[in-house]
Structures are given as structure tokens and as C-alpha cells.
Amino acid sequence: MQTLTIDTGMQEYLINNRAVLRFNPSDPNLYHRFFAAAPKLDALDAELTEQLKALPAEPDDARAERGLAMLTDYDHRIKALLTEIFGGENDFDKVLEGVNLAGTGANGKRVVQNLLDALTPILQDGAAQHLQTTAANARAEADAARAAREQA
């Protein structure tokens, strides 16, 4: 069997010095999936917030158990959405070492927000790089076509 290697632009990012997240930061499809997911993420966050507020005043153990179940459900739903965005080869339980995305980081933000904040500039830079490359290729093609017309 022969081997064919295709440059897909995939890059690897070591997350918290432990696990690797792989994606092509200049992939327009990934860019669109990532930013199109923002309303879904906001809706899930708002839903979780409302559900937690609506927990009935029960004995502490029962309330805590219900709250933890909601946080687990949120975590699974967000990780499923991230898998849709970044592909199944990226296991966000491994990437984030099993941390629940509803958890809070030392900065007071939810872990999911910290993740999105870290990824957003990478994807924005990747999209800008893609646009620059596309524009440069279009200019080169136009220059070549102009030169061919001038020679004819």
C-alpha cells in the first residue's frame, strides 16, 4: 500500500500541560461551527442558571444531589457540542482531565468560558490567515492572467 500525506493544517495545542487538542485554526468550517455555537452555549448557560435558581427548598442533601445532576447534564451537553465543533478525535473529558465545564476557575468564570476565551483568538487569527492566503492567491492568479493577456 502506498501512503499519501496531505497537509490539512492540523495543529496541536497542549492544554494545561497534559492533553492535546487538535484542529486546524484556519479551517473556515470550524470557524463557522465555533461561532455559530455561541447562541447555543448562551442558551445552555441560561437554562442551567434558571434550573439552579428554581431548585425547590429541600433538605440540603436532596437539593445538592439535584443540583449536581444538573451540572453533570450541562457538562455532557456542552462537551457534545464541543465534539460537534472540533471533531470526535478531541475527547474533551481527556483534554480537560474530567473537569466539569460548569465548574468555576480561579478567575471566577465557568471553565467553559475560560476554554472559549482561550480558543477564540486562535480561531480569529486562523480565519484572518485564511483570508490573507486566499487574497494573496487571488492576486497572484490575477497578476498571472494579466501578464498572459499582455504577452498575447
N, C-alpha and C. Protein backbone atom coordinates (compact mmCIF):
# COMPACT_ATOMS: atom_id res chain seq x y z
N MET A 1 0.84 -1.17 0.00
CA MET A 1 0.00 0.00 0.00
C MET A 1 0.89 1.24 0.00
N GLN A 2 0.51 2.22 -0.78
CA GLN A 2 1.24 3.48 -0.81
C GLN A 2 0.62 4.45 0.18
N THR A 3 1.44 5.36 0.63
CA THR A 3 0.98 6.35 1.61
C THR A 3 0.93 7.72 0.94
N LEU A 4 -0.13 8.43 1.21
CA LEU A 4 -0.30 9.78 0.71
C LEU A 4 -0.51 10.68 1.91
N THR A 5 0.34 11.67 2.05
CA THR A 5 0.22 12.59 3.17
C THR A 5 -0.28 13.93 2.65
N ILE A 6 -1.36 14.41 3.24
CA ILE A 6 -1.97 15.66 2.82
C ILE A 6 -1.87 16.65 3.96
N ASP A 7 -1.39 17.83 3.66
CA ASP A 7 -1.30 18.89 4.65
C ASP A 7 -2.70 19.45 4.87
N THR A 8 -3.28 19.15 6.02
CA THR A 8 -4.63 19.63 6.35
C THR A 8 -4.60 20.83 7.28
N GLY A 9 -3.41 21.27 7.63
CA GLY A 9 -3.28 22.43 8.50
C GLY A 9 -3.54 22.12 9.97
N MET A 10 -3.66 20.84 10.30
CA MET A 10 -3.95 20.47 11.69
C MET A 10 -2.79 20.93 12.59
N GLN A 11 -3.17 21.48 13.73
CA GLN A 11 -2.19 21.88 14.73
C GLN A 11 -2.58 21.25 16.06
N GLU A 12 -1.61 21.11 16.91
CA GLU A 12 -1.84 20.53 18.22
C GLU A 12 -1.59 21.58 19.29
N TYR A 13 -2.48 21.62 20.27
CA TYR A 13 -2.37 22.55 21.38
C TYR A 13 -2.35 21.74 22.67
N LEU A 14 -1.30 21.88 23.43
CA LEU A 14 -1.18 21.19 24.70
C LEU A 14 -1.98 21.98 25.73
N ILE A 15 -3.00 21.37 26.29
CA ILE A 15 -3.89 22.03 27.24
C ILE A 15 -3.42 21.73 28.66
N ASN A 16 -3.13 22.78 29.39
CA ASN A 16 -2.70 22.67 30.79
C ASN A 16 -1.56 21.68 30.97
N ASN A 17 -0.68 21.61 30.00
CA ASN A 17 0.49 20.74 30.03
C ASN A 17 0.16 19.26 30.22
N ARG A 18 -1.04 18.83 29.76
CA ARG A 18 -1.44 17.45 29.99
C ARG A 18 -2.02 16.76 28.76
N ALA A 19 -2.97 17.36 28.10
CA ALA A 19 -3.67 16.69 27.00
C ALA A 19 -3.63 17.57 25.75
N VAL A 20 -3.82 16.94 24.61
CA VAL A 20 -3.69 17.64 23.34
C VAL A 20 -5.05 17.83 22.69
N LEU A 21 -5.28 19.05 22.19
CA LEU A 21 -6.45 19.39 21.39
C LEU A 21 -5.94 19.62 19.97
N ARG A 22 -6.55 18.93 18.99
CA ARG A 22 -6.09 19.00 17.60
C ARG A 22 -7.17 19.62 16.72
N PHE A 23 -6.78 20.63 15.95
CA PHE A 23 -7.70 21.22 14.97
C PHE A 23 -6.91 22.14 14.05
N ASN A 24 -7.53 22.50 12.94
CA ASN A 24 -6.95 23.44 12.00
C ASN A 24 -7.54 24.82 12.29
N PRO A 25 -6.75 25.73 12.87
CA PRO A 25 -7.29 27.03 13.26
C PRO A 25 -7.73 27.89 12.07
N SER A 26 -7.28 27.57 10.86
CA SER A 26 -7.68 28.36 9.69
C SER A 26 -8.78 27.69 8.87
N ASP A 27 -9.39 26.65 9.41
CA ASP A 27 -10.48 25.95 8.72
C ASP A 27 -11.75 26.78 8.83
N PRO A 28 -12.26 27.31 7.71
CA PRO A 28 -13.47 28.13 7.77
C PRO A 28 -14.67 27.36 8.32
N ASN A 29 -14.75 26.07 8.06
CA ASN A 29 -15.87 25.28 8.58
C ASN A 29 -15.84 25.25 10.11
N LEU A 30 -14.66 25.04 10.67
CA LEU A 30 -14.51 25.03 12.12
C LEU A 30 -14.85 26.40 12.70
N TYR A 31 -14.36 27.43 12.05
CA TYR A 31 -14.62 28.81 12.49
C TYR A 31 -16.13 29.05 12.57
N HIS A 32 -16.83 28.70 11.51
CA HIS A 32 -18.28 28.92 11.48
C HIS A 32 -19.00 28.08 12.53
N ARG A 33 -18.59 26.82 12.69
CA ARG A 33 -19.22 25.97 13.72
C ARG A 33 -19.00 26.55 15.12
N PHE A 34 -17.77 27.02 15.36
CA PHE A 34 -17.42 27.56 16.68
C PHE A 34 -18.27 28.79 17.00
N PHE A 35 -18.31 29.75 16.09
CA PHE A 35 -19.02 30.98 16.39
C PHE A 35 -20.54 30.82 16.27
N ALA A 36 -21.00 29.88 15.47
CA ALA A 36 -22.43 29.60 15.39
C ALA A 36 -22.93 28.94 16.67
N ALA A 37 -22.04 28.32 17.40
CA ALA A 37 -22.43 27.63 18.65
C ALA A 37 -22.63 28.60 19.80
N ALA A 38 -22.18 29.84 19.67
CA ALA A 38 -22.28 30.80 20.77
C ALA A 38 -23.70 30.95 21.30
N PRO A 39 -24.71 31.10 20.44
CA PRO A 39 -26.08 31.21 20.99
C PRO A 39 -26.53 29.93 21.71
N LYS A 40 -26.09 28.78 21.21
CA LYS A 40 -26.44 27.52 21.88
C LYS A 40 -25.80 27.46 23.26
N LEU A 41 -24.54 27.87 23.32
CA LEU A 41 -23.83 27.87 24.60
C LEU A 41 -24.49 28.84 25.58
N ASP A 42 -24.85 30.02 25.09
CA ASP A 42 -25.52 31.00 25.95
C ASP A 42 -26.85 30.46 26.44
N ALA A 43 -27.59 29.80 25.55
CA ALA A 43 -28.90 29.24 25.93
C ALA A 43 -28.73 28.15 26.99
N LEU A 44 -27.73 27.29 26.81
CA LEU A 44 -27.49 26.24 27.81
C LEU A 44 -27.10 26.84 29.15
N ASP A 45 -26.29 27.89 29.11
CA ASP A 45 -25.87 28.55 30.34
C ASP A 45 -27.07 29.19 31.04
N ALA A 46 -27.91 29.87 30.27
CA ALA A 46 -29.10 30.50 30.85
C ALA A 46 -30.05 29.44 31.41
N GLU A 47 -30.19 28.33 30.68
CA GLU A 47 -31.06 27.24 31.15
C GLU A 47 -30.55 26.68 32.47
N LEU A 48 -29.25 26.45 32.56
CA LEU A 48 -28.68 25.92 33.79
C LEU A 48 -28.89 26.90 34.94
N THR A 49 -28.64 28.16 34.69
CA THR A 49 -28.81 29.18 35.73
C THR A 49 -30.24 29.19 36.25
N GLU A 50 -31.20 29.15 35.33
CA GLU A 50 -32.61 29.15 35.74
C GLU A 50 -32.98 27.87 36.50
N GLN A 51 -32.48 26.73 36.03
CA GLN A 51 -32.78 25.47 36.71
C GLN A 51 -32.23 25.47 38.13
N LEU A 52 -31.03 25.99 38.28
CA LEU A 52 -30.42 26.02 39.62
C LEU A 52 -31.20 26.97 40.55
N LYS A 53 -31.65 28.10 40.00
CA LYS A 53 -32.44 29.03 40.80
C LYS A 53 -33.78 28.42 41.20
N ALA A 54 -34.33 27.59 40.31
CA ALA A 54 -35.66 27.02 40.54
C ALA A 54 -35.66 25.78 41.42
N LEU A 55 -34.50 25.36 41.87
CA LEU A 55 -34.47 24.18 42.74
C LEU A 55 -35.33 24.44 43.97
N PRO A 56 -36.21 23.52 44.29
CA PRO A 56 -37.06 23.72 45.47
C PRO A 56 -36.23 23.66 46.75
N ALA A 57 -36.73 24.35 47.74
CA ALA A 57 -36.06 24.33 49.04
C ALA A 57 -36.32 22.97 49.68
N GLU A 58 -35.37 22.09 49.51
CA GLU A 58 -35.45 20.73 50.04
C GLU A 58 -34.38 20.57 51.10
N PRO A 59 -34.37 19.46 51.75
CA PRO A 59 -33.24 19.20 52.64
C PRO A 59 -31.94 19.31 51.84
N ASP A 60 -30.89 19.75 52.48
CA ASP A 60 -29.64 20.05 51.80
C ASP A 60 -29.13 18.93 50.91
N ASP A 61 -29.18 17.69 51.36
CA ASP A 61 -28.65 16.58 50.57
C ASP A 61 -29.42 16.40 49.27
N ALA A 62 -30.73 16.46 49.33
CA ALA A 62 -31.55 16.26 48.13
C ALA A 62 -31.34 17.41 47.16
N ARG A 63 -31.29 18.63 47.64
CA ARG A 63 -31.07 19.81 46.78
C ARG A 63 -29.70 19.73 46.12
N ALA A 64 -28.70 19.38 46.91
CA ALA A 64 -27.35 19.27 46.37
C ALA A 64 -27.28 18.19 45.31
N GLU A 65 -27.93 17.07 45.55
CA GLU A 65 -27.91 15.97 44.58
C GLU A 65 -28.57 16.39 43.27
N ARG A 66 -29.70 17.08 43.35
CA ARG A 66 -30.36 17.55 42.13
C ARG A 66 -29.51 18.58 41.40
N GLY A 67 -28.90 19.47 42.15
CA GLY A 67 -28.03 20.49 41.56
C GLY A 67 -26.84 19.86 40.85
N LEU A 68 -26.23 18.86 41.49
CA LEU A 68 -25.09 18.18 40.88
C LEU A 68 -25.50 17.43 39.62
N ALA A 69 -26.69 16.85 39.62
CA ALA A 69 -27.19 16.17 38.43
C ALA A 69 -27.37 17.16 37.28
N MET A 70 -27.84 18.35 37.58
CA MET A 70 -28.00 19.39 36.56
C MET A 70 -26.64 19.81 36.00
N LEU A 71 -25.66 19.95 36.87
CA LEU A 71 -24.32 20.34 36.44
C LEU A 71 -23.69 19.25 35.57
N THR A 72 -23.94 18.01 35.89
CA THR A 72 -23.43 16.89 35.10
C THR A 72 -24.08 16.87 33.73
N ASP A 73 -25.38 17.09 33.68
CA ASP A 73 -26.10 17.14 32.40
C ASP A 73 -25.57 18.29 31.54
N TYR A 74 -25.38 19.45 32.13
CA TYR A 74 -24.82 20.61 31.42
C TYR A 74 -23.45 20.26 30.84
N ASP A 75 -22.61 19.65 31.66
CA ASP A 75 -21.26 19.26 31.23
C ASP A 75 -21.33 18.34 30.01
N HIS A 76 -22.19 17.34 30.06
CA HIS A 76 -22.30 16.39 28.94
C HIS A 76 -22.80 17.09 27.68
N ARG A 77 -23.76 17.98 27.84
CA ARG A 77 -24.32 18.68 26.68
C ARG A 77 -23.30 19.62 26.04
N ILE A 78 -22.54 20.33 26.85
CA ILE A 78 -21.52 21.25 26.33
C ILE A 78 -20.40 20.45 25.67
N LYS A 79 -19.96 19.37 26.27
CA LYS A 79 -18.89 18.56 25.67
C LYS A 79 -19.36 17.93 24.36
N ALA A 80 -20.62 17.55 24.27
CA ALA A 80 -21.16 17.03 23.00
C ALA A 80 -21.13 18.12 21.93
N LEU A 81 -21.47 19.33 22.30
CA LEU A 81 -21.43 20.44 21.36
C LEU A 81 -19.99 20.73 20.92
N LEU A 82 -19.06 20.70 21.85
CA LEU A 82 -17.64 20.91 21.51
C LEU A 82 -17.13 19.82 20.59
N THR A 83 -17.59 18.59 20.80
CA THR A 83 -17.20 17.49 19.91
C THR A 83 -17.74 17.72 18.50
N GLU A 84 -18.97 18.24 18.39
CA GLU A 84 -19.51 18.58 17.07
C GLU A 84 -18.66 19.64 16.40
N ILE A 85 -18.16 20.59 17.15
CA ILE A 85 -17.37 21.69 16.60
C ILE A 85 -15.98 21.21 16.20
N PHE A 86 -15.29 20.52 17.11
CA PHE A 86 -13.88 20.20 16.91
C PHE A 86 -13.62 18.78 16.41
N GLY A 87 -14.65 17.95 16.34
CA GLY A 87 -14.48 16.60 15.84
C GLY A 87 -14.30 15.58 16.95
N GLY A 88 -14.71 14.36 16.64
CA GLY A 88 -14.71 13.27 17.61
C GLY A 88 -13.34 12.85 18.09
N GLU A 89 -12.28 13.20 17.35
CA GLU A 89 -10.94 12.83 17.79
C GLU A 89 -10.50 13.62 19.01
N ASN A 90 -11.23 14.69 19.32
CA ASN A 90 -10.93 15.51 20.50
C ASN A 90 -11.90 15.13 21.62
N ASP A 91 -11.40 14.41 22.60
CA ASP A 91 -12.20 13.99 23.74
C ASP A 91 -12.03 15.04 24.84
N PHE A 92 -13.06 15.86 25.02
CA PHE A 92 -12.93 16.97 25.96
C PHE A 92 -12.88 16.52 27.42
N ASP A 93 -13.32 15.30 27.72
CA ASP A 93 -13.10 14.78 29.07
C ASP A 93 -11.61 14.57 29.30
N LYS A 94 -10.91 14.06 28.28
CA LYS A 94 -9.46 13.88 28.41
C LYS A 94 -8.74 15.21 28.34
N VAL A 95 -9.13 16.05 27.39
CA VAL A 95 -8.47 17.34 27.21
C VAL A 95 -8.52 18.16 28.50
N LEU A 96 -9.67 18.10 29.18
CA LEU A 96 -9.84 18.89 30.41
C LEU A 96 -9.77 18.04 31.67
N GLU A 97 -9.23 16.83 31.52
CA GLU A 97 -8.99 15.93 32.65
C GLU A 97 -10.24 15.67 33.49
N GLY A 98 -11.37 15.54 32.82
CA GLY A 98 -12.60 15.21 33.51
C GLY A 98 -13.25 16.36 34.26
N VAL A 99 -12.69 17.54 34.14
CA VAL A 99 -13.26 18.69 34.83
C VAL A 99 -14.62 19.01 34.23
N ASN A 100 -15.59 19.28 35.08
CA ASN A 100 -16.93 19.65 34.64
C ASN A 100 -16.88 21.09 34.12
N LEU A 101 -17.40 21.30 32.91
CA LEU A 101 -17.35 22.62 32.29
C LEU A 101 -18.21 23.65 33.02
N ALA A 102 -19.10 23.20 33.88
CA ALA A 102 -19.90 24.13 34.69
C ALA A 102 -19.12 24.60 35.91
N GLY A 103 -17.99 23.94 36.17
CA GLY A 103 -17.17 24.34 37.32
C GLY A 103 -16.62 25.73 37.13
N THR A 104 -16.13 26.28 38.21
CA THR A 104 -15.60 27.63 38.20
C THR A 104 -14.09 27.59 38.33
N GLY A 105 -13.43 28.38 37.50
CA GLY A 105 -11.99 28.51 37.58
C GLY A 105 -11.59 29.47 38.70
N ALA A 106 -10.30 29.60 38.91
CA ALA A 106 -9.80 30.51 39.95
C ALA A 106 -10.18 31.96 39.66
N ASN A 107 -10.44 32.27 38.38
CA ASN A 107 -10.79 33.64 38.00
C ASN A 107 -12.29 33.94 38.19
N GLY A 108 -13.07 32.95 38.66
CA GLY A 108 -14.49 33.16 38.90
C GLY A 108 -15.38 32.87 37.71
N LYS A 109 -14.79 32.57 36.56
CA LYS A 109 -15.58 32.24 35.36
C LYS A 109 -15.78 30.74 35.29
N ARG A 110 -16.85 30.34 34.60
CA ARG A 110 -17.05 28.91 34.36
C ARG A 110 -15.92 28.40 33.49
N VAL A 111 -15.57 27.15 33.68
CA VAL A 111 -14.48 26.53 32.92
C VAL A 111 -14.76 26.62 31.42
N VAL A 112 -16.02 26.43 31.01
CA VAL A 112 -16.35 26.51 29.59
C VAL A 112 -16.01 27.90 29.05
N GLN A 113 -16.26 28.95 29.83
CA GLN A 113 -15.94 30.30 29.37
C GLN A 113 -14.44 30.49 29.24
N ASN A 114 -13.69 29.94 30.18
CA ASN A 114 -12.23 30.03 30.09
C ASN A 114 -11.72 29.32 28.84
N LEU A 115 -12.32 28.17 28.52
CA LEU A 115 -11.94 27.44 27.31
C LEU A 115 -12.25 28.26 26.07
N LEU A 116 -13.45 28.81 26.01
CA LEU A 116 -13.85 29.61 24.84
C LEU A 116 -12.97 30.86 24.71
N ASP A 117 -12.67 31.48 25.84
CA ASP A 117 -11.81 32.67 25.82
C ASP A 117 -10.41 32.34 25.29
N ALA A 118 -9.92 31.15 25.60
CA ALA A 118 -8.59 30.74 25.12
C ALA A 118 -8.62 30.40 23.63
N LEU A 119 -9.71 29.81 23.15
CA LEU A 119 -9.79 29.37 21.76
C LEU A 119 -10.17 30.48 20.78
N THR A 120 -10.94 31.45 21.23
CA THR A 120 -11.44 32.49 20.33
C THR A 120 -10.33 33.22 19.57
N PRO A 121 -9.29 33.73 20.23
CA PRO A 121 -8.26 34.44 19.44
C PRO A 121 -7.50 33.52 18.48
N ILE A 122 -7.36 32.25 18.83
CA ILE A 122 -6.68 31.31 17.93
C ILE A 122 -7.49 31.15 16.65
N LEU A 123 -8.81 31.00 16.79
CA LEU A 123 -9.67 30.83 15.62
C LEU A 123 -9.79 32.13 14.83
N GLN A 124 -9.82 33.26 15.51
CA GLN A 124 -9.87 34.54 14.80
C GLN A 124 -8.59 34.77 14.00
N ASP A 125 -7.44 34.46 14.59
CA ASP A 125 -6.17 34.57 13.87
C ASP A 125 -6.12 33.60 12.70
N GLY A 126 -6.62 32.39 12.91
CA GLY A 126 -6.65 31.40 11.83
C GLY A 126 -7.52 31.86 10.67
N ALA A 127 -8.67 32.45 10.98
CA ALA A 127 -9.56 32.96 9.93
C ALA A 127 -8.88 34.10 9.18
N ALA A 128 -8.21 34.98 9.90
CA ALA A 128 -7.50 36.08 9.25
C ALA A 128 -6.40 35.54 8.34
N GLN A 129 -5.69 34.52 8.80
CA GLN A 129 -4.63 33.91 7.99
C GLN A 129 -5.24 33.30 6.73
N HIS A 130 -6.36 32.62 6.87
CA HIS A 130 -7.03 32.01 5.72
C HIS A 130 -7.42 33.08 4.71
N LEU A 131 -7.99 34.18 5.18
CA LEU A 131 -8.40 35.26 4.28
C LEU A 131 -7.20 35.89 3.58
N GLN A 132 -6.11 36.09 4.31
CA GLN A 132 -4.90 36.66 3.71
C GLN A 132 -4.33 35.74 2.64
N THR A 133 -4.30 34.45 2.91
CA THR A 133 -3.79 33.49 1.94
C THR A 133 -4.68 33.44 0.71
N THR A 134 -5.98 33.44 0.92
CA THR A 134 -6.93 33.42 -0.19
C THR A 134 -6.77 34.68 -1.05
N ALA A 135 -6.65 35.83 -0.39
CA ALA A 135 -6.48 37.09 -1.13
C ALA A 135 -5.16 37.10 -1.89
N ALA A 136 -4.10 36.62 -1.27
CA ALA A 136 -2.79 36.59 -1.94
C ALA A 136 -2.83 35.67 -3.15
N ASN A 137 -3.49 34.51 -3.02
CA ASN A 137 -3.61 33.60 -4.15
C ASN A 137 -4.43 34.22 -5.28
N ALA A 138 -5.49 34.91 -4.94
CA ALA A 138 -6.33 35.57 -5.95
C ALA A 138 -5.54 36.67 -6.67
N ARG A 139 -4.73 37.44 -5.92
CA ARG A 139 -3.90 38.47 -6.54
C ARG A 139 -2.88 37.85 -7.49
N ALA A 140 -2.27 36.75 -7.05
CA ALA A 140 -1.27 36.09 -7.89
C ALA A 140 -1.90 35.56 -9.18
N GLU A 141 -3.09 34.99 -9.06
CA GLU A 141 -3.79 34.49 -10.25
C GLU A 141 -4.16 35.64 -11.18
N ALA A 142 -4.63 36.74 -10.63
CA ALA A 142 -4.99 37.91 -11.45
C ALA A 142 -3.76 38.48 -12.13
N ASP A 143 -2.65 38.55 -11.39
CA ASP A 143 -1.40 39.07 -11.99
C ASP A 143 -0.94 38.15 -13.12
N ALA A 144 -1.03 36.83 -12.92
CA ALA A 144 -0.62 35.89 -13.95
C ALA A 144 -1.52 36.00 -15.16
N ALA A 145 -2.81 36.15 -14.97
CA ALA A 145 -3.75 36.29 -16.09
C ALA A 145 -3.48 37.59 -16.83
N ARG A 146 -3.20 38.67 -16.11
CA ARG A 146 -2.89 39.96 -16.74
C ARG A 146 -1.60 39.86 -17.57
N ALA A 147 -0.61 39.21 -17.00
CA ALA A 147 0.67 39.05 -17.72
C ALA A 147 0.46 38.20 -18.97
N ALA A 148 -0.34 37.18 -18.91
CA ALA A 148 -0.62 36.32 -20.07
C ALA A 148 -1.35 37.11 -21.14
N ARG A 149 -2.29 37.97 -20.75
CA ARG A 149 -3.00 38.78 -21.74
C ARG A 149 -2.07 39.76 -22.40
N GLU A 150 -1.16 40.35 -21.62
CA GLU A 150 -0.22 41.34 -22.16
C GLU A 150 0.75 40.70 -23.14
N GLN A 151 1.10 39.43 -22.94
CA GLN A 151 2.02 38.72 -23.82
C GLN A 151 1.34 38.28 -25.09
N ALA A 152 0.02 38.14 -25.05
CA ALA A 152 -0.71 37.63 -26.21
C ALA A 152 -0.90 38.68 -27.28
